[in-house]
Amino acid sequence: MSYLSVSTWSLHRLLGPLRWTGWDEERRTHVTHVQPEPETIALLELPREAAKRGYEAVEICHFHFPSTEPDYLSSLRQAFEESGISFDTLLLDYGDLTARDPARLEADLALIRRWIGIASEAGAKRIRVIAGQAPHTDGDAIRASAERLKELSAYASSVGVKVVSENFQALTTTGESCAKLLGFTGDSIGFITDFGNFEAPSKYDEFRAILPHSLSVHAKAAYDADGFPDEAEFRRCLDTMKESGYNGAVVLIYDGPGDMWEGLERIRRIVSDYL
């Protein structure tokens, strides 16, 4: 049976500074850019707050971690255990498995492996790894990404974490390229279907190609200027999900204006019909 989850992206104006990872071409190293945001709830408090609001799981974006020190990760794991909800997925929002620059590629692979370790220490079941930034028409890049995802998956499984990817960023912007990638990886990785990352009108058919492989669905609606969802279009996405037989986490994604908890409640009312 599908269950309700929430991504920290849906609360990104509440959880404090965002710590974006980037690549400094001149210095040939990773850098962190800090984007100031107010902290009205600490990440360590989120599992309890989410449980109180009826969520069964949380996905955490990597840029929301205020610390990756072992004591902090242990505290985060404990916060989930005490709240009784699941830390389903650590969403790593950086990394290019199709980088042509050997130094960049090796640095990115090392960073991904580090975050796999962080996911394990914090108690995450899965880690989302971006397939790549090469064009979705580049067959060689799809094969290369698949091989690297399989290598990362073998490493992650040794520390109790499942690697998943997503229809997110350039390489996986079409159902066809996602299907090709999954054909090469087999069941060594899982997948995330994001409602907002394919284009209409073909996106509903594209969902059908990847939903059977998905362990998580990012239920992202199209929002108007006031943060209200296009309910008819959102229900069409959810109907496609239901018709596919999908049975897993339905992760609410709200990135519109105004109060973020209120925005989540507007789409939760719709999603509740499908759980």
C-alpha atoms as a PDB file:
ATOM      1  CA  MET A   1       0.000   0.000   0.000  1.00  0.00           C
ATOM      2  CA  SER A   2       1.298   3.478  -0.880  1.00  0.00           C
ATOM      3  CA  TYR A   3       2.240   5.743   2.008  1.00  0.00           C
ATOM      4  CA  LEU A   4       2.752   9.446   2.616  1.00  0.00           C
ATOM      5  CA  SER A   5       6.197  11.027   2.679  1.00  0.00           C
ATOM      6  CA  VAL A   6       7.600  14.536   2.390  1.00  0.00           C
ATOM      7  CA  SER A   7      10.802  15.966   0.941  1.00  0.00           C
ATOM      8  CA  THR A   8      12.782  18.625   2.749  1.00  0.00           C
ATOM      9  CA  TRP A   9      12.716  20.591  -0.519  1.00  0.00           C
ATOM     10  CA  SER A  10       9.055  21.224   0.324  1.00  0.00           C
ATOM     11  CA  LEU A  11      10.251  22.982   3.489  1.00  0.00           C
ATOM     12  CA  HIS A  12      13.340  24.683   2.138  1.00  0.00           C
ATOM     13  CA  ARG A  13      12.377  28.105   3.509  1.00  0.00           C
ATOM     14  CA  LEU A  14      12.087  26.701   7.024  1.00  0.00           C
ATOM     15  CA  LEU A  15      15.151  24.526   7.624  1.00  0.00           C
ATOM     16  CA  GLY A  16      17.962  27.055   7.637  1.00  0.00           C
ATOM     17  CA  PRO A  17      20.759  27.755   5.133  1.00  0.00           C
ATOM     18  CA  LEU A  18      21.030  25.688   1.948  1.00  0.00           C
ATOM     19  CA  ARG A  19      24.530  24.366   1.319  1.00  0.00           C
ATOM     20  CA  TRP A  20      24.863  23.891  -2.440  1.00  0.00           C
ATOM     21  CA  THR A  21      27.756  21.843  -3.786  1.00  0.00           C
ATOM     22  CA  GLY A  22      29.501  23.020  -6.943  1.00  0.00           C
ATOM     23  CA  TRP A  23      32.646  22.507  -8.982  1.00  0.00           C
ATOM     24  CA  ASP A  24      35.250  25.266  -9.149  1.00  0.00           C
ATOM     25  CA  GLU A  25      36.837  24.870 -12.569  1.00  0.00           C
ATOM     26  CA  GLU A  26      39.757  27.174 -11.809  1.00  0.00           C
ATOM     27  CA  ARG A  27      40.650  25.551  -8.477  1.00  0.00           C
ATOM     28  CA  ARG A  28      39.700  22.053  -9.711  1.00  0.00           C
ATOM     29  CA  THR A  29      37.836  21.215  -6.546  1.00  0.00           C
ATOM     30  CA  HIS A  30      34.389  21.129  -5.001  1.00  0.00           C
ATOM     31  CA  VAL A  31      33.088  24.232  -3.279  1.00  0.00           C
ATOM     32  CA  THR A  32      30.057  24.899  -1.094  1.00  0.00           C
ATOM     33  CA  HIS A  33      27.845  27.921  -1.687  1.00  0.00           C
ATOM     34  CA  VAL A  34      25.683  28.851   1.297  1.00  0.00           C
ATOM     35  CA  GLN A  35      22.257  30.342   0.564  1.00  0.00           C
ATOM     36  CA  PRO A  36      20.782  32.014   3.643  1.00  0.00           C
ATOM     37  CA  GLU A  37      17.320  30.832   4.716  1.00  0.00           C
ATOM     38  CA  PRO A  38      15.552  31.186   8.071  1.00  0.00           C
ATOM     39  CA  GLU A  39      15.530  28.214  10.426  1.00  0.00           C
ATOM     40  CA  THR A  40      12.107  27.880  12.012  1.00  0.00           C
ATOM     41  CA  ILE A  41      12.569  24.159  12.555  1.00  0.00           C
ATOM     42  CA  ALA A  42      15.835  22.285  12.992  1.00  0.00           C
ATOM     43  CA  LEU A  43      16.462  19.229  10.837  1.00  0.00           C
ATOM     44  CA  LEU A  44      16.777  17.146  14.006  1.00  0.00           C
ATOM     45  CA  GLU A  45      13.242  18.220  14.963  1.00  0.00           C
ATOM     46  CA  LEU A  46      11.744  17.386  11.563  1.00  0.00           C
ATOM     47  CA  PRO A  47      11.119  13.633  12.063  1.00  0.00           C
ATOM     48  CA  ARG A  48       8.999  14.315  15.151  1.00  0.00           C
ATOM     49  CA  GLU A  49       7.152  17.188  13.448  1.00  0.00           C
ATOM     50  CA  ALA A  50       6.521  15.133  10.315  1.00  0.00           C
ATOM     51  CA  ALA A  51       5.218  12.217  12.378  1.00  0.00           C
ATOM     52  CA  LYS A  52       2.925  14.573  14.290  1.00  0.00           C
ATOM     53  CA  ARG A  53       1.484  15.755  10.972  1.00  0.00           C
ATOM     54  CA  GLY A  54       0.784  12.213   9.804  1.00  0.00           C
ATOM     55  CA  TYR A  55       3.733  11.525   7.502  1.00  0.00           C
ATOM     56  CA  GLU A  56       5.249   8.050   7.517  1.00  0.00           C
ATOM     57  CA  ALA A  57       8.589   8.926   5.926  1.00  0.00           C
ATOM     58  CA  VAL A  58      10.907  11.800   4.996  1.00  0.00           C
ATOM     59  CA  GLU A  59      13.392  12.397   2.187  1.00  0.00           C
ATOM     60  CA  ILE A  60      16.261  14.774   3.014  1.00  0.00           C
ATOM     61  CA  CYS A  61      18.163  16.838   0.437  1.00  0.00           C
ATOM     62  CA  HIS A  62      21.905  16.747   1.027  1.00  0.00           C
ATOM     63  CA  PHE A  63      22.123  20.541   1.168  1.00  0.00           C
ATOM     64  CA  HIS A  64      19.928  20.574   4.281  1.00  0.00           C
ATOM     65  CA  PHE A  65      22.501  18.770   6.422  1.00  0.00           C
ATOM     66  CA  PRO A  66      23.967  21.391   8.810  1.00  0.00           C
ATOM     67  CA  SER A  67      26.674  18.896   9.762  1.00  0.00           C
ATOM     68  CA  THR A  68      28.002  15.546   8.591  1.00  0.00           C
ATOM     69  CA  GLU A  69      29.996  14.839  11.732  1.00  0.00           C
ATOM     70  CA  PRO A  70      29.419  11.347  13.198  1.00  0.00           C
ATOM     71  CA  ASP A  71      27.737  12.646  16.369  1.00  0.00           C
ATOM     72  CA  TYR A  72      25.244  14.662  14.350  1.00  0.00           C
ATOM     73  CA  LEU A  73      24.445  11.765  12.019  1.00  0.00           C
ATOM     74  CA  SER A  74      23.914   9.506  15.026  1.00  0.00           C
ATOM     75  CA  SER A  75      21.526  12.079  16.498  1.00  0.00           C
ATOM     76  CA  LEU A  76      19.601  12.263  13.224  1.00  0.00           C
ATOM     77  CA  ARG A  77      19.274   8.486  13.076  1.00  0.00           C
ATOM     78  CA  GLN A  78      18.044   8.494  16.664  1.00  0.00           C
ATOM     79  CA  ALA A  79      15.522  11.254  15.888  1.00  0.00           C
ATOM     80  CA  PHE A  80      13.957   9.064  13.201  1.00  0.00           C
ATOM     81  CA  GLU A  81      13.936   5.996  15.414  1.00  0.00           C
ATOM     82  CA  GLU A  82      12.264   7.893  18.248  1.00  0.00           C
ATOM     83  CA  SER A  83       9.669   9.445  15.929  1.00  0.00           C
ATOM     84  CA  GLY A  84       8.671   6.073  14.488  1.00  0.00           C
ATOM     85  CA  ILE A  85       8.950   7.189  10.859  1.00  0.00           C
ATOM     86  CA  SER A  86      11.341   6.204   8.091  1.00  0.00           C
ATOM     87  CA  PHE A  87      14.305   8.095   6.665  1.00  0.00           C
ATOM     88  CA  ASP A  88      13.597   6.774   3.194  1.00  0.00           C
ATOM     89  CA  THR A  89      16.029   8.616   0.933  1.00  0.00           C
ATOM     90  CA  LEU A  90      18.963  10.988   1.094  1.00  0.00           C
ATOM     91  CA  LEU A  91      18.601  13.113  -2.057  1.00  0.00           C
ATOM     92  CA  LEU A  92      22.111  13.911  -3.278  1.00  0.00           C
ATOM     93  CA  ASP A  93      21.613  16.963  -5.466  1.00  0.00           C
ATOM     94  CA  TYR A  94      25.062  17.079  -7.035  1.00  0.00           C
ATOM     95  CA  GLY A  95      27.277  14.868  -9.174  1.00  0.00           C
ATOM     96  CA  ASP A  96      27.850  14.137 -12.852  1.00  0.00           C
ATOM     97  CA  LEU A  97      28.459  10.503 -13.724  1.00  0.00           C
ATOM     98  CA  THR A  98      28.935  11.526 -17.371  1.00  0.00           C
ATOM     99  CA  ALA A  99      31.576  14.225 -16.819  1.00  0.00           C
ATOM    100  CA  ARG A 100      34.184  14.142 -19.614  1.00  0.00           C
ATOM    101  CA  ASP A 101      36.864  15.740 -17.437  1.00  0.00           C
ATOM    102  CA  PRO A 102      38.628  12.804 -15.699  1.00  0.00           C
ATOM    103  CA  ALA A 103      39.538  14.896 -12.665  1.00  0.00           C
ATOM    104  CA  ARG A 104      35.961  16.148 -12.249  1.00  0.00           C
ATOM    105  CA  LEU A 105      34.569  12.642 -12.707  1.00  0.00           C
ATOM    106  CA  GLU A 106      36.877  11.099 -10.121  1.00  0.00           C
ATOM    107  CA  ALA A 107      36.184  13.907  -7.655  1.00  0.00           C
ATOM    108  CA  ASP A 108      32.425  13.515  -8.144  1.00  0.00           C
ATOM    109  CA  LEU A 109      32.590   9.751  -7.688  1.00  0.00           C
ATOM    110  CA  ALA A 110      34.564  10.224  -4.469  1.00  0.00           C
ATOM    111  CA  LEU A 111      32.014  12.752  -3.232  1.00  0.00           C
ATOM    112  CA  ILE A 112      29.123  10.395  -4.042  1.00  0.00           C
ATOM    113  CA  ARG A 113      30.820   7.551  -2.177  1.00  0.00           C
ATOM    114  CA  ARG A 114      31.283   9.887   0.799  1.00  0.00           C
ATOM    115  CA  TRP A 115      27.582  10.717   0.807  1.00  0.00           C
ATOM    116  CA  ILE A 116      26.730   7.025   0.588  1.00  0.00           C
ATOM    117  CA  GLY A 117      28.646   6.654   3.845  1.00  0.00           C
ATOM    118  CA  ILE A 118      26.765   9.602   5.328  1.00  0.00           C
ATOM    119  CA  ALA A 119      23.448   8.033   4.301  1.00  0.00           C
ATOM    120  CA  SER A 120      24.449   4.805   6.014  1.00  0.00           C
ATOM    121  CA  GLU A 121      25.487   6.529   9.251  1.00  0.00           C
ATOM    122  CA  ALA A 122      22.303   8.616   9.345  1.00  0.00           C
ATOM    123  CA  GLY A 123      20.093   5.571   8.800  1.00  0.00           C
ATOM    124  CA  ALA A 124      18.788   6.370   5.311  1.00  0.00           C
ATOM    125  CA  LYS A 125      17.473   3.383   3.387  1.00  0.00           C
ATOM    126  CA  ARG A 126      18.399   4.846   0.011  1.00  0.00           C
ATOM    127  CA  ILE A 127      20.454   7.527  -1.686  1.00  0.00           C
ATOM    128  CA  ARG A 128      19.394   9.289  -4.891  1.00  0.00           C
ATOM    129  CA  VAL A 129      22.304   9.662  -7.327  1.00  0.00           C
ATOM    130  CA  ILE A 130      21.853  11.830 -10.413  1.00  0.00           C
ATOM    131  CA  ALA A 131      22.519   9.822 -13.579  1.00  0.00           C
ATOM    132  CA  GLY A 132      24.356  12.589 -15.414  1.00  0.00           C
ATOM    133  CA  GLN A 133      24.425  15.886 -17.243  1.00  0.00           C
ATOM    134  CA  ALA A 134      25.150  14.585 -20.745  1.00  0.00           C
ATOM    135  CA  PRO A 135      22.386  14.952 -23.360  1.00  0.00           C
ATOM    136  CA  HIS A 136      19.665  12.300 -23.165  1.00  0.00           C
ATOM    137  CA  THR A 137      20.430  11.363 -26.790  1.00  0.00           C
ATOM    138  CA  ASP A 138      24.006  10.325 -25.952  1.00  0.00           C
ATOM    139  CA  GLY A 139      23.895   6.523 -25.922  1.00  0.00           C
ATOM    140  CA  ASP A 140      27.527   6.147 -24.845  1.00  0.00           C
ATOM    141  CA  ALA A 141      26.890   8.426 -21.852  1.00  0.00           C
ATOM    142  CA  ILE A 142      23.856   6.364 -20.841  1.00  0.00           C
ATOM    143  CA  ARG A 143      25.967   3.192 -20.883  1.00  0.00           C
ATOM    144  CA  ALA A 144      28.780   4.848 -18.939  1.00  0.00           C
ATOM    145  CA  SER A 145      26.357   6.199 -16.347  1.00  0.00           C
ATOM    146  CA  ALA A 146      24.779   2.780 -15.941  1.00  0.00           C
ATOM    147  CA  GLU A 147      28.152   1.143 -15.308  1.00  0.00           C
ATOM    148  CA  ARG A 148      29.057   3.759 -12.701  1.00  0.00           C
ATOM    149  CA  LEU A 149      25.659   3.461 -11.035  1.00  0.00           C
ATOM    150  CA  LYS A 150      26.149  -0.303 -10.767  1.00  0.00           C
ATOM    151  CA  GLU A 151      29.598   0.192  -9.214  1.00  0.00           C
ATOM    152  CA  LEU A 152      28.198   2.702  -6.733  1.00  0.00           C
ATOM    153  CA  SER A 153      25.308   0.371  -5.973  1.00  0.00           C
ATOM    154  CA  ALA A 154      27.678  -2.467  -5.096  1.00  0.00           C
ATOM    155  CA  TYR A 155      29.551  -0.173  -2.722  1.00  0.00           C
ATOM    156  CA  ALA A 156      26.340   1.171  -1.182  1.00  0.00           C
ATOM    157  CA  SER A 157      24.874  -2.277  -0.610  1.00  0.00           C
ATOM    158  CA  SER A 158      27.942  -3.170   1.450  1.00  0.00           C
ATOM    159  CA  VAL A 159      26.942  -0.449   3.937  1.00  0.00           C
ATOM    160  CA  GLY A 160      23.210  -1.155   3.846  1.00  0.00           C
ATOM    161  CA  VAL A 161      22.063   1.552   1.422  1.00  0.00           C
ATOM    162  CA  LYS A 162      20.167   1.210  -1.886  1.00  0.00           C
ATOM    163  CA  VAL A 163      21.169   3.449  -4.806  1.00  0.00           C
ATOM    164  CA  VAL A 164      18.298   5.008  -6.752  1.00  0.00           C
ATOM    165  CA  SER A 165      18.304   7.479  -9.601  1.00  0.00           C
ATOM    166  CA  GLU A 166      15.552   9.718 -10.984  1.00  0.00           C
ATOM    167  CA  ASN A 167      14.104  11.338 -14.097  1.00  0.00           C
ATOM    168  CA  PHE A 168      16.120  14.394 -13.097  1.00  0.00           C
ATOM    169  CA  GLN A 169      18.731  16.445 -14.959  1.00  0.00           C
ATOM    170  CA  ALA A 170      19.793  16.161 -18.583  1.00  0.00           C
ATOM    171  CA  LEU A 171      20.546  12.464 -19.123  1.00  0.00           C
ATOM    172  CA  THR A 172      17.158  11.256 -17.892  1.00  0.00           C
ATOM    173  CA  THR A 173      14.801  13.942 -19.199  1.00  0.00           C
ATOM    174  CA  THR A 174      12.809  11.511 -21.348  1.00  0.00           C
ATOM    175  CA  GLY A 175      11.106   8.199 -20.669  1.00  0.00           C
ATOM    176  CA  GLU A 176      13.167   6.673 -23.458  1.00  0.00           C
ATOM    177  CA  SER A 177      16.515   7.629 -21.946  1.00  0.00           C
ATOM    178  CA  CYS A 178      15.359   6.485 -18.490  1.00  0.00           C
ATOM    179  CA  ALA A 179      14.264   3.133 -19.937  1.00  0.00           C
ATOM    180  CA  LYS A 180      17.616   2.689 -21.674  1.00  0.00           C
ATOM    181  CA  LEU A 181      19.486   3.453 -18.460  1.00  0.00           C
ATOM    182  CA  LEU A 182      17.349   1.005 -16.479  1.00  0.00           C
ATOM    183  CA  GLY A 183      17.835  -1.606 -19.181  1.00  0.00           C
ATOM    184  CA  PHE A 184      21.593  -1.420 -18.583  1.00  0.00           C
ATOM    185  CA  THR A 185      21.423  -1.296 -14.776  1.00  0.00           C
ATOM    186  CA  GLY A 186      18.783  -4.007 -14.333  1.00  0.00           C
ATOM    187  CA  ASP A 187      17.582  -4.328 -10.755  1.00  0.00           C
ATOM    188  CA  SER A 188      20.898  -3.156  -9.300  1.00  0.00           C
ATOM    189  CA  ILE A 189      19.380   0.302  -8.736  1.00  0.00           C
ATOM    190  CA  GLY A 190      15.930   1.662  -7.963  1.00  0.00           C
ATOM    191  CA  PHE A 191      14.291   4.755  -9.382  1.00  0.00           C
ATOM    192  CA  ILE A 192      12.252   7.835  -8.486  1.00  0.00           C
ATOM    193  CA  THR A 193       9.464   9.144 -10.706  1.00  0.00           C
ATOM    194  CA  ASP A 194       9.026  12.910 -10.423  1.00  0.00           C
ATOM    195  CA  PHE A 195       5.758  14.247 -11.844  1.00  0.00           C
ATOM    196  CA  GLY A 196       7.351  17.581 -12.674  1.00  0.00           C
ATOM    197  CA  ASN A 197      10.358  16.411 -14.688  1.00  0.00           C
ATOM    198  CA  PHE A 198       8.754  15.246 -17.938  1.00  0.00           C
ATOM    199  CA  GLU A 199       6.892  17.434 -20.415  1.00  0.00           C
ATOM    200  CA  ALA A 200       3.212  17.178 -21.353  1.00  0.00           C
ATOM    201  CA  PRO A 201       1.506  15.710 -23.302  1.00  0.00           C
ATOM    202  CA  SER A 202       3.833  12.697 -23.576  1.00  0.00           C
ATOM    203  CA  LYS A 203       4.756  12.580 -19.890  1.00  0.00           C
ATOM    204  CA  TYR A 204       1.913  10.284 -18.814  1.00  0.00           C
ATOM    205  CA  ASP A 205       3.093   7.563 -21.203  1.00  0.00           C
ATOM    206  CA  GLU A 206       6.663   8.184 -20.080  1.00  0.00           C
ATOM    207  CA  PHE A 207       5.634   7.670 -16.448  1.00  0.00           C
ATOM    208  CA  ARG A 208       4.391   4.202 -17.355  1.00  0.00           C
ATOM    209  CA  ALA A 209       7.875   3.261 -18.558  1.00  0.00           C
ATOM    210  CA  ILE A 210       9.565   4.053 -15.244  1.00  0.00           C
ATOM    211  CA  LEU A 211       6.933   3.592 -12.532  1.00  0.00           C
ATOM    212  CA  PRO A 212       7.468  -0.202 -12.426  1.00  0.00           C
ATOM    213  CA  HIS A 213      11.086   0.465 -11.404  1.00  0.00           C
ATOM    214  CA  SER A 214      10.286   3.226  -8.897  1.00  0.00           C
ATOM    215  CA  LEU A 215      10.579   3.016  -5.133  1.00  0.00           C
ATOM    216  CA  SER A 216       9.443   6.607  -4.674  1.00  0.00           C
ATOM    217  CA  VAL A 217       7.151   9.033  -6.485  1.00  0.00           C
ATOM    218  CA  HIS A 218       7.662  12.770  -6.169  1.00  0.00           C
ATOM    219  CA  ALA A 219       4.105  14.076  -6.267  1.00  0.00           C
ATOM    220  CA  LYS A 220       4.794  17.531  -7.653  1.00  0.00           C
ATOM    221  CA  ALA A 221       1.902  19.587  -8.983  1.00  0.00           C
ATOM    222  CA  ALA A 222       1.921  22.602 -11.292  1.00  0.00           C
ATOM    223  CA  TYR A 223       1.261  25.626  -9.080  1.00  0.00           C
ATOM    224  CA  ASP A 224      -0.219  29.007  -9.896  1.00  0.00           C
ATOM    225  CA  ALA A 225       1.193  32.305  -8.670  1.00  0.00           C
ATOM    226  CA  ASP A 226      -0.621  31.899  -5.337  1.00  0.00           C
ATOM    227  CA  GLY A 227       0.639  28.359  -4.722  1.00  0.00           C
ATOM    228  CA  PHE A 228      -2.547  26.508  -5.661  1.00  0.00           C
ATOM    229  CA  PRO A 229      -2.197  23.306  -7.682  1.00  0.00           C
ATOM    230  CA  ASP A 230      -3.679  22.535 -11.084  1.00  0.00           C
ATOM    231  CA  GLU A 231      -5.850  19.806  -9.584  1.00  0.00           C
ATOM    232  CA  ALA A 232      -7.043  18.244 -12.840  1.00  0.00           C
ATOM    233  CA  GLU A 233      -3.498  17.825 -14.159  1.00  0.00           C
ATOM    234  CA  PHE A 234      -2.218  16.615 -10.798  1.00  0.00           C
ATOM    235  CA  ARG A 235      -4.969  13.985 -10.617  1.00  0.00           C
ATOM    236  CA  ARG A 236      -4.079  12.804 -14.101  1.00  0.00           C
ATOM    237  CA  CYS A 237      -0.533  12.158 -12.858  1.00  0.00           C
ATOM    238  CA  LEU A 238      -1.862  10.365  -9.782  1.00  0.00           C
ATOM    239  CA  ASP A 239      -4.317   8.323 -11.870  1.00  0.00           C
ATOM    240  CA  THR A 240      -1.424   7.193 -14.064  1.00  0.00           C
ATOM    241  CA  MET A 241       0.485   6.200 -10.932  1.00  0.00           C
ATOM    242  CA  LYS A 242      -2.459   4.235  -9.589  1.00  0.00           C
ATOM    243  CA  GLU A 243      -3.136   2.488 -12.909  1.00  0.00           C
ATOM    244  CA  SER A 244       0.498   1.336 -13.037  1.00  0.00           C
ATOM    245  CA  GLY A 245       0.070  -0.607  -9.787  1.00  0.00           C
ATOM    246  CA  TYR A 246       2.686   1.520  -8.037  1.00  0.00           C
ATOM    247  CA  ASN A 247       2.985   0.701  -4.348  1.00  0.00           C
ATOM    248  CA  GLY A 248       5.456   2.807  -2.401  1.00  0.00           C
ATOM    249  CA  ALA A 249       6.224   6.244  -1.033  1.00  0.00           C
ATOM    250  CA  VAL A 250       4.245   9.187  -2.386  1.00  0.00           C
ATOM    251  CA  VAL A 251       6.445  12.161  -1.550  1.00  0.00           C
ATOM    252  CA  LEU A 252       4.753  15.554  -1.429  1.00  0.00           C
ATOM    253  CA  ILE A 253       6.651  18.309  -3.236  1.00  0.00           C
ATOM    254  CA  TYR A 254       5.631  21.914  -2.685  1.00  0.00           C
ATOM    255  CA  ASP A 255       7.827  24.778  -3.838  1.00  0.00           C
ATOM    256  CA  GLY A 256       5.297  27.553  -4.257  1.00  0.00           C
ATOM    257  CA  PRO A 257       4.887  30.822  -2.337  1.00  0.00           C
ATOM    258  CA  GLY A 258       3.493  31.362   1.128  1.00  0.00           C
ATOM    259  CA  ASP A 259       3.418  29.041   4.094  1.00  0.00           C
ATOM    260  CA  MET A 260       5.026  25.772   3.033  1.00  0.00           C
ATOM    261  CA  TRP A 261       3.095  23.572   5.462  1.00  0.00           C
ATOM    262  CA  GLU A 262      -0.148  25.065   4.135  1.00  0.00           C
ATOM    263  CA  GLY A 263       0.981  24.457   0.570  1.00  0.00           C
ATOM    264  CA  LEU A 264       1.672  20.830   1.458  1.00  0.00           C
ATOM    265  CA  GLU A 265      -1.792  20.463   2.947  1.00  0.00           C
ATOM    266  CA  ARG A 266      -3.383  21.649  -0.312  1.00  0.00           C
ATOM    267  CA  ILE A 267      -1.800  18.803  -2.277  1.00  0.00           C
ATOM    268  CA  ARG A 268      -2.110  16.319   0.568  1.00  0.00           C
ATOM    269  CA  ARG A 269      -5.898  16.673   0.347  1.00  0.00           C
ATOM    270  CA  ILE A 270      -5.708  15.443  -3.242  1.00  0.00           C
ATOM    271  CA  VAL A 271      -3.085  12.741  -2.701  1.00  0.00           C
ATOM    272  CA  SER A 272      -5.024  11.237   0.211  1.00  0.00           C
ATOM    273  CA  ASP A 273      -7.496   9.777  -2.316  1.00  0.00           C
ATOM    274  CA  TYR A 274      -4.691   7.639  -3.740  1.00  0.00           C
ATOM    275  CA  LEU A 275      -3.129   6.175  -0.597  1.00  0.00           C
END
